[in-house]
Amino acid sequence: MRALIAATAGLVLAFALVLTITALGSPTGTTSPKPLLTTVPAHP
C-alpha cells in the first residue's frame, strides 16, 4: 500500500512539474547570426 501511495505522489509531483514548465513557456531568445564553423575530418 505504501508503494502505491509513493507512486501516486511521484506521479502527481511529475504532473505538477510539467504544468509549471508549460505555464512558464519557452525562454525568449534569438539564434546566432553567425553560422557554426565546423570542419569534416579528411578521409585517410
N, C-alpha and C. Protein backbone atom coordinates (compact mmCIF):
# COMPACT_ATOMS: atom_id res chain seq x y z
N MET A 1 0.83 -1.20 0.00
CA MET A 1 0.00 0.00 0.00
C MET A 1 0.87 1.26 0.00
N ARG A 2 1.99 1.20 0.75
CA ARG A 2 2.87 2.36 0.78
C ARG A 2 3.49 2.62 -0.58
N ALA A 3 3.75 1.55 -1.33
CA ALA A 3 4.33 1.71 -2.67
C ALA A 3 3.33 2.40 -3.59
N LEU A 4 2.07 2.08 -3.47
CA LEU A 4 1.05 2.71 -4.29
C LEU A 4 0.93 4.19 -3.97
N ILE A 5 0.99 4.53 -2.68
CA ILE A 5 0.93 5.94 -2.27
C ILE A 5 2.16 6.69 -2.78
N ALA A 6 3.33 6.06 -2.68
CA ALA A 6 4.55 6.71 -3.16
C ALA A 6 4.51 6.90 -4.66
N ALA A 7 4.00 5.92 -5.40
CA ALA A 7 3.90 6.04 -6.85
C ALA A 7 2.92 7.14 -7.23
N THR A 8 1.81 7.23 -6.53
CA THR A 8 0.82 8.28 -6.80
C THR A 8 1.40 9.66 -6.50
N ALA A 9 2.11 9.77 -5.39
CA ALA A 9 2.72 11.05 -5.03
C ALA A 9 3.76 11.46 -6.07
N GLY A 10 4.55 10.52 -6.55
CA GLY A 10 5.53 10.82 -7.59
C GLY A 10 4.89 11.24 -8.89
N LEU A 11 3.79 10.58 -9.24
CA LEU A 11 3.08 10.94 -10.47
C LEU A 11 2.49 12.33 -10.37
N VAL A 12 1.91 12.65 -9.22
CA VAL A 12 1.34 13.99 -9.01
C VAL A 12 2.44 15.05 -9.07
N LEU A 13 3.58 14.76 -8.47
CA LEU A 13 4.69 15.70 -8.48
C LEU A 13 5.22 15.91 -9.90
N ALA A 14 5.34 14.84 -10.66
CA ALA A 14 5.81 14.96 -12.04
C ALA A 14 4.81 15.75 -12.89
N PHE A 15 3.53 15.50 -12.69
CA PHE A 15 2.50 16.21 -13.44
C PHE A 15 2.52 17.70 -13.10
N ALA A 16 2.71 18.03 -11.81
CA ALA A 16 2.79 19.42 -11.39
C ALA A 16 4.02 20.10 -12.00
N LEU A 17 5.12 19.38 -12.09
CA LEU A 17 6.33 19.94 -12.68
C LEU A 17 6.12 20.23 -14.16
N VAL A 18 5.47 19.32 -14.86
CA VAL A 18 5.20 19.53 -16.29
C VAL A 18 4.29 20.73 -16.49
N LEU A 19 3.26 20.85 -15.65
CA LEU A 19 2.36 22.00 -15.77
C LEU A 19 3.08 23.31 -15.48
N THR A 20 3.98 23.31 -14.51
CA THR A 20 4.73 24.51 -14.18
C THR A 20 5.63 24.93 -15.33
N ILE A 21 6.32 23.97 -15.93
CA ILE A 21 7.21 24.28 -17.05
C ILE A 21 6.39 24.77 -18.25
N THR A 22 5.23 24.16 -18.47
CA THR A 22 4.38 24.58 -19.57
C THR A 22 3.86 26.00 -19.35
N ALA A 23 3.51 26.33 -18.11
CA ALA A 23 2.99 27.66 -17.81
C ALA A 23 4.06 28.73 -17.98
N LEU A 24 5.30 28.40 -17.68
CA LEU A 24 6.37 29.37 -17.83
C LEU A 24 6.69 29.64 -19.29
N GLY A 25 6.49 28.66 -20.14
CA GLY A 25 6.76 28.83 -21.56
C GLY A 25 8.24 28.71 -21.88
N SER A 26 8.53 28.79 -23.15
CA SER A 26 9.92 28.68 -23.57
C SER A 26 10.61 30.03 -23.40
N PRO A 27 11.89 30.02 -23.11
CA PRO A 27 12.60 31.28 -22.94
C PRO A 27 12.72 32.04 -24.25
N THR A 28 12.67 33.34 -24.16
CA THR A 28 12.79 34.16 -25.36
C THR A 28 14.27 34.32 -25.69
N GLY A 29 14.57 34.35 -26.93
CA GLY A 29 15.96 34.49 -27.35
C GLY A 29 16.05 34.46 -28.85
N THR A 30 17.21 34.73 -29.33
CA THR A 30 17.44 34.72 -30.77
C THR A 30 18.58 33.78 -31.07
N THR A 31 18.62 33.34 -32.29
CA THR A 31 19.72 32.48 -32.72
C THR A 31 20.89 33.35 -33.14
N SER A 32 22.04 32.77 -33.14
CA SER A 32 23.25 33.50 -33.51
C SER A 32 23.23 33.80 -35.00
N PRO A 33 23.59 35.02 -35.39
CA PRO A 33 23.62 35.32 -36.82
C PRO A 33 24.78 34.63 -37.55
N LYS A 34 25.82 34.25 -36.78
CA LYS A 34 26.97 33.59 -37.39
C LYS A 34 26.71 32.09 -37.48
N PRO A 35 26.99 31.47 -38.62
CA PRO A 35 26.82 30.03 -38.71
C PRO A 35 27.91 29.30 -37.93
N LEU A 36 27.62 28.08 -37.54
CA LEU A 36 28.63 27.27 -36.86
C LEU A 36 29.68 26.85 -37.88
N LEU A 37 30.92 27.10 -37.56
CA LEU A 37 32.00 26.74 -38.46
C LEU A 37 32.56 25.40 -38.01
N THR A 38 32.21 24.38 -38.74
CA THR A 38 32.70 23.05 -38.40
C THR A 38 33.48 22.50 -39.59
N THR A 39 34.40 21.64 -39.30
CA THR A 39 35.18 21.01 -40.36
C THR A 39 34.97 19.52 -40.32
N VAL A 40 35.01 18.92 -41.47
CA VAL A 40 34.88 17.47 -41.58
C VAL A 40 36.27 16.90 -41.69
N PRO A 41 36.61 15.91 -40.87
CA PRO A 41 37.96 15.34 -40.97
C PRO A 41 38.18 14.68 -42.32
N ALA A 42 39.41 14.79 -42.80
CA ALA A 42 39.75 14.20 -44.10
C ALA A 42 39.76 12.68 -44.00
N HIS A 43 39.29 12.04 -45.04
CA HIS A 43 39.30 10.59 -45.06
C HIS A 43 40.71 10.08 -45.35
N PRO A 44 41.15 9.06 -44.67
CA PRO A 44 42.52 8.54 -44.92
C PRO A 44 42.62 7.81 -46.24
